[in-house]
Amino acid sequence: MEVKIGVQHAPREIVLESGQSAEEVERLVADALGGKTPLLSLVDDHGRKVLVPSERLAYVELGEPTARRVGFSAL
């Protein structure tokens, strides 16, 4: 699933593809915003971990996974 994270005082958003479910990402965001954890921690499809301080979160947008196009045919 595609996850976009807006960070306060940062000109660009963080975009990553994650294998985590929407419910799991939503729970992690709720825990971070609720003060249960000081960091929002997500893992992307390549195994890289993205850490964002909870107090710097501006928004988190959850989207559908992007379909990879294969081939050279015209649409």
PDB file of N, CA and C in Angstrom:
ATOM      1  N   MET A   1       0.832  -1.163   0.000  1.00  0.00           N
ATOM      2  CA  MET A   1       0.000   0.000   0.000  1.00  0.00           C
ATOM      3  C   MET A   1       0.882   1.231   0.000  1.00  0.00           C
ATOM      4  N   GLU A   2       0.414   2.278  -0.636  1.00  0.00           N
ATOM      5  CA  GLU A   2       1.166   3.526  -0.686  1.00  0.00           C
ATOM      6  C   GLU A   2       0.842   4.369   0.547  1.00  0.00           C
ATOM      7  N   VAL A   3       1.874   4.879   1.193  1.00  0.00           N
ATOM      8  CA  VAL A   3       1.720   5.715   2.380  1.00  0.00           C
ATOM      9  C   VAL A   3       2.453   7.027   2.117  1.00  0.00           C
ATOM     10  N   LYS A   4       1.741   8.153   2.290  1.00  0.00           N
ATOM     11  CA  LYS A   4       2.347   9.479   2.174  1.00  0.00           C
ATOM     12  C   LYS A   4       2.300  10.126   3.549  1.00  0.00           C
ATOM     13  N   ILE A   5       3.454  10.638   3.982  1.00  0.00           N
ATOM     14  CA  ILE A   5       3.567  11.238   5.309  1.00  0.00           C
ATOM     15  C   ILE A   5       4.019  12.680   5.147  1.00  0.00           C
ATOM     16  N   GLY A   6       3.223  13.599   5.659  1.00  0.00           N
ATOM     17  CA  GLY A   6       3.607  15.001   5.691  1.00  0.00           C
ATOM     18  C   GLY A   6       4.288  15.304   7.006  1.00  0.00           C
ATOM     19  N   VAL A   7       5.410  15.996   6.934  1.00  0.00           N
ATOM     20  CA  VAL A   7       6.177  16.334   8.127  1.00  0.00           C
ATOM     21  C   VAL A   7       6.200  17.860   8.261  1.00  0.00           C
ATOM     22  N   GLN A   8       5.925  18.349   9.465  1.00  0.00           N
ATOM     23  CA  GLN A   8       5.938  19.787   9.708  1.00  0.00           C
ATOM     24  C   GLN A   8       7.312  20.370   9.412  1.00  0.00           C
ATOM     25  N   HIS A   9       7.331  21.538   8.812  1.00  0.00           N
ATOM     26  CA  HIS A   9       8.545  22.285   8.495  1.00  0.00           C
ATOM     27  C   HIS A   9       9.448  21.544   7.507  1.00  0.00           C
ATOM     28  N   ALA A  10       8.876  20.656   6.715  1.00  0.00           N
ATOM     29  CA  ALA A  10       9.620  19.954   5.663  1.00  0.00           C
ATOM     30  C   ALA A  10       8.925  20.239   4.335  1.00  0.00           C
ATOM     31  N   PRO A  11       9.675  20.629   3.315  1.00  0.00           N
ATOM     32  CA  PRO A  11       9.039  21.022   2.050  1.00  0.00           C
ATOM     33  C   PRO A  11       8.459  19.850   1.259  1.00  0.00           C
ATOM     34  N   ARG A  12       8.932  18.634   1.496  1.00  0.00           N
ATOM     35  CA  ARG A  12       8.457  17.490   0.729  1.00  0.00           C
ATOM     36  C   ARG A  12       7.871  16.436   1.652  1.00  0.00           C
ATOM     37  N   GLU A  13       6.939  15.660   1.103  1.00  0.00           N
ATOM     38  CA  GLU A  13       6.360  14.576   1.875  1.00  0.00           C
ATOM     39  C   GLU A  13       7.176  13.302   1.676  1.00  0.00           C
ATOM     40  N   ILE A  14       7.020  12.368   2.597  1.00  0.00           N
ATOM     41  CA  ILE A  14       7.673  11.071   2.506  1.00  0.00           C
ATOM     42  C   ILE A  14       6.669  10.119   1.857  1.00  0.00           C
ATOM     43  N   VAL A  15       7.085   9.449   0.785  1.00  0.00           N
ATOM     44  CA  VAL A  15       6.223   8.496   0.094  1.00  0.00           C
ATOM     45  C   VAL A  15       6.907   7.140   0.109  1.00  0.00           C
ATOM     46  N   LEU A  16       6.170   6.111   0.540  1.00  0.00           N
ATOM     47  CA  LEU A  16       6.735   4.776   0.556  1.00  0.00           C
ATOM     48  C   LEU A  16       5.669   3.744   0.243  1.00  0.00           C
ATOM     49  N   GLU A  17       6.110   2.619  -0.295  1.00  0.00           N
ATOM     50  CA  GLU A  17       5.250   1.456  -0.524  1.00  0.00           C
ATOM     51  C   GLU A  17       5.494   0.492   0.630  1.00  0.00           C
ATOM     52  N   SER A  18       4.445   0.150   1.341  1.00  0.00           N
ATOM     53  CA  SER A  18       4.575  -0.712   2.506  1.00  0.00           C
ATOM     54  C   SER A  18       3.741  -1.974   2.325  1.00  0.00           C
ATOM     55  N   GLY A  19       4.263  -3.076   2.821  1.00  0.00           N
ATOM     56  CA  GLY A  19       3.535  -4.334   2.793  1.00  0.00           C
ATOM     57  C   GLY A  19       2.595  -4.483   3.975  1.00  0.00           C
ATOM     58  N   GLN A  20       2.608  -3.512   4.890  1.00  0.00           N
ATOM     59  CA  GLN A  20       1.733  -3.552   6.050  1.00  0.00           C
ATOM     60  C   GLN A  20       0.300  -3.244   5.620  1.00  0.00           C
ATOM     61  N   SER A  21      -0.666  -3.785   6.349  1.00  0.00           N
ATOM     62  CA  SER A  21      -2.064  -3.551   6.021  1.00  0.00           C
ATOM     63  C   SER A  21      -2.479  -2.139   6.422  1.00  0.00           C
ATOM     64  N   ALA A  22      -3.583  -1.668   5.843  1.00  0.00           N
ATOM     65  CA  ALA A  22      -4.089  -0.332   6.162  1.00  0.00           C
ATOM     66  C   ALA A  22      -4.447  -0.227   7.634  1.00  0.00           C
ATOM     67  N   GLU A  23      -5.017  -1.283   8.194  1.00  0.00           N
ATOM     68  CA  GLU A  23      -5.404  -1.268   9.602  1.00  0.00           C
ATOM     69  C   GLU A  23      -4.173  -1.174  10.502  1.00  0.00           C
ATOM     70  N   GLU A  24      -3.107  -1.881  10.133  1.00  0.00           N
ATOM     71  CA  GLU A  24      -1.884  -1.852  10.935  1.00  0.00           C
ATOM     72  C   GLU A  24      -1.232  -0.466  10.895  1.00  0.00           C
ATOM     73  N   VAL A  25      -1.173   0.132   9.706  1.00  0.00           N
ATOM     74  CA  VAL A  25      -0.590   1.473   9.584  1.00  0.00           C
ATOM     75  C   VAL A  25      -1.432   2.481  10.350  1.00  0.00           C
ATOM     76  N   GLU A  26      -2.754   2.357  10.250  1.00  0.00           N
ATOM     77  CA  GLU A  26      -3.647   3.274  10.974  1.00  0.00           C
ATOM     78  C   GLU A  26      -3.457   3.149  12.483  1.00  0.00           C
ATOM     79  N   ARG A  27      -3.275   1.925  12.976  1.00  0.00           N
ATOM     80  CA  ARG A  27      -3.042   1.721  14.411  1.00  0.00           C
ATOM     81  C   ARG A  27      -1.719   2.343  14.848  1.00  0.00           C
ATOM     82  N   LEU A  28      -0.669   2.175  14.027  1.00  0.00           N
ATOM     83  CA  LEU A  28       0.636   2.762  14.351  1.00  0.00           C
ATOM     84  C   LEU A  28       0.565   4.292  14.382  1.00  0.00           C
ATOM     85  N   VAL A  29      -0.171   4.877  13.442  1.00  0.00           N
ATOM     86  CA  VAL A  29      -0.330   6.334  13.414  1.00  0.00           C
ATOM     87  C   VAL A  29      -1.122   6.799  14.633  1.00  0.00           C
ATOM     88  N   ALA A  30      -2.189   6.095  14.973  1.00  0.00           N
ATOM     89  CA  ALA A  30      -2.995   6.466  16.136  1.00  0.00           C
ATOM     90  C   ALA A  30      -2.174   6.376  17.427  1.00  0.00           C
ATOM     91  N   ASP A  31      -1.340   5.346  17.547  1.00  0.00           N
ATOM     92  CA  ASP A  31      -0.480   5.218  18.724  1.00  0.00           C
ATOM     93  C   ASP A  31       0.516   6.376  18.806  1.00  0.00           C
ATOM     94  N   ALA A  32       1.079   6.759  17.655  1.00  0.00           N
ATOM     95  CA  ALA A  32       2.050   7.858  17.637  1.00  0.00           C
ATOM     96  C   ALA A  32       1.374   9.182  17.987  1.00  0.00           C
ATOM     97  N   LEU A  33       0.203   9.427  17.432  1.00  0.00           N
ATOM     98  CA  LEU A  33      -0.492  10.696  17.710  1.00  0.00           C
ATOM     99  C   LEU A  33      -1.087  10.717  19.115  1.00  0.00           C
ATOM    100  N   GLY A  34      -1.396   9.554  19.661  1.00  0.00           N
ATOM    101  CA  GLY A  34      -1.960   9.472  21.001  1.00  0.00           C
ATOM    102  C   GLY A  34      -0.923   9.560  22.104  1.00  0.00           C
ATOM    103  N   GLY A  35       0.354   9.605  21.737  1.00  0.00           N
ATOM    104  CA  GLY A  35       1.405   9.730  22.731  1.00  0.00           C
ATOM    105  C   GLY A  35       1.904   8.409  23.288  1.00  0.00           C
ATOM    106  N   LYS A  36       1.445   7.288  22.724  1.00  0.00           N
ATOM    107  CA  LYS A  36       1.899   5.984  23.220  1.00  0.00           C
ATOM    108  C   LYS A  36       3.332   5.688  22.790  1.00  0.00           C
ATOM    109  N   THR A  37       3.733   6.211  21.632  1.00  0.00           N
ATOM    110  CA  THR A  37       5.106   6.018  21.141  1.00  0.00           C
ATOM    111  C   THR A  37       5.652   7.358  20.667  1.00  0.00           C
ATOM    112  N   PRO A  38       6.931   7.624  20.869  1.00  0.00           N
ATOM    113  CA  PRO A  38       7.508   8.908  20.446  1.00  0.00           C
ATOM    114  C   PRO A  38       7.800   8.974  18.952  1.00  0.00           C
ATOM    115  N   LEU A  39       7.798   7.809  18.268  1.00  0.00           N
ATOM    116  CA  LEU A  39       8.117   7.760  16.844  1.00  0.00           C
ATOM    117  C   LEU A  39       7.069   6.966  16.082  1.00  0.00           C
ATOM    118  N   LEU A  40       6.770   7.412  14.856  1.00  0.00           N
ATOM    119  CA  LEU A  40       6.005   6.605  13.919  1.00  0.00           C
ATOM    120  C   LEU A  40       7.027   5.786  13.152  1.00  0.00           C
ATOM    121  N   SER A  41       6.926   4.478  13.212  1.00  0.00           N
ATOM    122  CA  SER A  41       7.887   3.581  12.584  1.00  0.00           C
ATOM    123  C   SER A  41       7.171   2.712  11.565  1.00  0.00           C
ATOM    124  N   LEU A  42       7.559   2.845  10.284  1.00  0.00           N
ATOM    125  CA  LEU A  42       6.995   2.039   9.208  1.00  0.00           C
ATOM    126  C   LEU A  42       8.123   1.377   8.436  1.00  0.00           C
ATOM    127  N   VAL A  43       7.830   0.232   7.829  1.00  0.00           N
ATOM    128  CA  VAL A  43       8.810  -0.506   7.032  1.00  0.00           C
ATOM    129  C   VAL A  43       8.304  -0.547   5.598  1.00  0.00           C
ATOM    130  N   ASP A  44       9.185  -0.201   4.633  1.00  0.00           N
ATOM    131  CA  ASP A  44       8.771  -0.216   3.232  1.00  0.00           C
ATOM    132  C   ASP A  44       9.003  -1.592   2.618  1.00  0.00           C
ATOM    133  N   ASP A  45       8.657  -1.739   1.341  1.00  0.00           N
ATOM    134  CA  ASP A  45       8.763  -3.021   0.642  1.00  0.00           C
ATOM    135  C   ASP A  45      10.194  -3.517   0.508  1.00  0.00           C
ATOM    136  N   HIS A  46      11.171  -2.637   0.624  1.00  0.00           N
ATOM    137  CA  HIS A  46      12.574  -3.011   0.491  1.00  0.00           C
ATOM    138  C   HIS A  46      13.223  -3.313   1.842  1.00  0.00           C
ATOM    139  N   GLY A  47      12.439  -3.276   2.918  1.00  0.00           N
ATOM    140  CA  GLY A  47      12.962  -3.574   4.244  1.00  0.00           C
ATOM    141  C   GLY A  47      13.547  -2.382   4.965  1.00  0.00           C
ATOM    142  N   ARG A  48      13.468  -1.196   4.355  1.00  0.00           N
ATOM    143  CA  ARG A  48      13.984   0.014   5.019  1.00  0.00           C
ATOM    144  C   ARG A  48      12.965   0.506   6.028  1.00  0.00           C
ATOM    145  N   LYS A  49      13.447   0.986   7.154  1.00  0.00           N
ATOM    146  CA  LYS A  49      12.580   1.498   8.203  1.00  0.00           C
ATOM    147  C   LYS A  49      12.550   3.023   8.139  1.00  0.00           C
ATOM    148  N   VAL A  50      11.350   3.578   8.183  1.00  0.00           N
ATOM    149  CA  VAL A  50      11.159   5.028   8.178  1.00  0.00           C
ATOM    150  C   VAL A  50      10.665   5.426   9.562  1.00  0.00           C
ATOM    151  N   LEU A  51      11.399   6.344  10.202  1.00  0.00           N
ATOM    152  CA  LEU A  51      11.048   6.821  11.539  1.00  0.00           C
ATOM    153  C   LEU A  51      10.747   8.310  11.473  1.00  0.00           C
ATOM    154  N   VAL A  52       9.595   8.705  12.000  1.00  0.00           N
ATOM    155  CA  VAL A  52       9.204  10.112  12.028  1.00  0.00           C
ATOM    156  C   VAL A  52       8.792  10.452  13.456  1.00  0.00           C
ATOM    157  N   PRO A  53       9.357  11.525  14.038  1.00  0.00           N
ATOM    158  CA  PRO A  53       8.938  11.926  15.384  1.00  0.00           C
ATOM    159  C   PRO A  53       7.438  12.248  15.413  1.00  0.00           C
ATOM    160  N   SER A  54       6.739  11.741  16.396  1.00  0.00           N
ATOM    161  CA  SER A  54       5.284  11.904  16.483  1.00  0.00           C
ATOM    162  C   SER A  54       4.850  13.361  16.501  1.00  0.00           C
ATOM    163  N   GLU A  55       5.619  14.211  17.181  1.00  0.00           N
ATOM    164  CA  GLU A  55       5.213  15.619  17.291  1.00  0.00           C
ATOM    165  C   GLU A  55       5.397  16.384  15.981  1.00  0.00           C
ATOM    166  N   ARG A  56       6.072  15.807  14.994  1.00  0.00           N
ATOM    167  CA  ARG A  56       6.304  16.461  13.696  1.00  0.00           C
ATOM    168  C   ARG A  56       5.348  15.991  12.607  1.00  0.00           C
ATOM    169  N   LEU A  57       4.445  15.052  12.911  1.00  0.00           N
ATOM    170  CA  LEU A  57       3.512  14.562  11.902  1.00  0.00           C
ATOM    171  C   LEU A  57       2.499  15.640  11.539  1.00  0.00           C
ATOM    172  N   ALA A  58       2.371  15.913  10.250  1.00  0.00           N
ATOM    173  CA  ALA A  58       1.353  16.844   9.774  1.00  0.00           C
ATOM    174  C   ALA A  58       0.129  16.080   9.272  1.00  0.00           C
ATOM    175  N   TYR A  59       0.365  15.033   8.459  1.00  0.00           N
ATOM    176  CA  TYR A  59      -0.715  14.181   7.969  1.00  0.00           C
ATOM    177  C   TYR A  59      -0.134  12.861   7.490  1.00  0.00           C
ATOM    178  N   VAL A  60      -1.008  11.854   7.407  1.00  0.00           N
ATOM    179  CA  VAL A  60      -0.645  10.557   6.846  1.00  0.00           C
ATOM    180  C   VAL A  60      -1.773  10.170   5.900  1.00  0.00           C
ATOM    181  N   GLU A  61      -1.419   9.891   4.662  1.00  0.00           N
ATOM    182  CA  GLU A  61      -2.398   9.518   3.639  1.00  0.00           C
ATOM    183  C   GLU A  61      -2.157   8.069   3.240  1.00  0.00           C
ATOM    184  N   LEU A  62      -3.207   7.252   3.345  1.00  0.00           N
ATOM    185  CA  LEU A  62      -3.113   5.846   2.980  1.00  0.00           C
ATOM    186  C   LEU A  62      -3.790   5.653   1.637  1.00  0.00           C
ATOM    187  N   GLY A  63      -3.126   4.942   0.731  1.00  0.00           N
ATOM    188  CA  GLY A  63      -3.689   4.729  -0.595  1.00  0.00           C
ATOM    189  C   GLY A  63      -3.576   3.287  -1.012  1.00  0.00           C
ATOM    190  N   GLU A  64      -4.114   3.018  -2.173  1.00  0.00           N
ATOM    191  CA  GLU A  64      -4.056   1.684  -2.749  1.00  0.00           C
ATOM    192  C   GLU A  64      -2.665   1.408  -3.286  1.00  0.00           C
ATOM    193  N   PRO A  65      -2.283   0.161  -3.380  1.00  0.00           N
ATOM    194  CA  PRO A  65      -0.983  -0.145  -3.982  1.00  0.00           C
ATOM    195  C   PRO A  65      -0.973   0.234  -5.454  1.00  0.00           C
ATOM    196  N   THR A  66       0.156   0.704  -5.922  1.00  0.00           N
ATOM    197  CA  THR A  66       0.262   1.077  -7.321  1.00  0.00           C
ATOM    198  C   THR A  66       0.567  -0.165  -8.141  1.00  0.00           C
ATOM    199  N   ALA A  67      -0.169  -0.328  -9.223  1.00  0.00           N
ATOM    200  CA  ALA A  67       0.051  -1.476 -10.102  1.00  0.00           C
ATOM    201  C   ALA A  67       1.245  -1.183 -10.997  1.00  0.00           C
ATOM    202  N   ARG A  68       2.160  -2.120 -11.059  1.00  0.00           N
ATOM    203  CA  ARG A  68       3.334  -1.944 -11.903  1.00  0.00           C
ATOM    204  C   ARG A  68       2.979  -2.368 -13.320  1.00  0.00           C
ATOM    205  N   ARG A  69       3.268  -1.498 -14.265  1.00  0.00           N
ATOM    206  CA  ARG A  69       2.998  -1.795 -15.663  1.00  0.00           C
ATOM    207  C   ARG A  69       4.185  -2.510 -16.276  1.00  0.00           C
ATOM    208  N   VAL A  70       3.877  -3.533 -17.035  1.00  0.00           N
ATOM    209  CA  VAL A  70       4.919  -4.318 -17.677  1.00  0.00           C
ATOM    210  C   VAL A  70       4.625  -4.344 -19.167  1.00  0.00           C
ATOM    211  N   GLY A  71       5.656  -4.130 -19.957  1.00  0.00           N
ATOM    212  CA  GLY A  71       5.482  -4.215 -21.395  1.00  0.00           C
ATOM    213  C   GLY A  71       5.513  -2.850 -22.047  1.00  0.00           C
ATOM    214  N   PHE A  72       5.327  -2.886 -23.367  1.00  0.00           N
ATOM    215  CA  PHE A  72       5.415  -1.659 -24.150  1.00  0.00           C
ATOM    216  C   PHE A  72       4.149  -1.410 -24.961  1.00  0.00           C
ATOM    217  N   SER A  73       3.063  -2.032 -24.634  1.00  0.00           N
ATOM    218  CA  SER A  73       1.825  -1.862 -25.407  1.00  0.00           C
ATOM    219  C   SER A  73       1.205  -0.496 -25.140  1.00  0.00           C
ATOM    220  N   ALA A  74       0.487  -0.001 -26.122  1.00  0.00           N
ATOM    221  CA  ALA A  74      -0.214   1.282 -25.976  1.00  0.00           C
ATOM    222  C   ALA A  74      -1.498   1.071 -25.182  1.00  0.00           C
ATOM    223  N   LEU A  75      -1.847   2.057 -24.407  1.00  0.00           N
ATOM    224  CA  LEU A  75      -3.076   1.963 -23.619  1.00  0.00           C
ATOM    225  C   LEU A  75      -4.236   2.541 -24.336  1.00  0.00           C
TER     226      LEU A  75
END
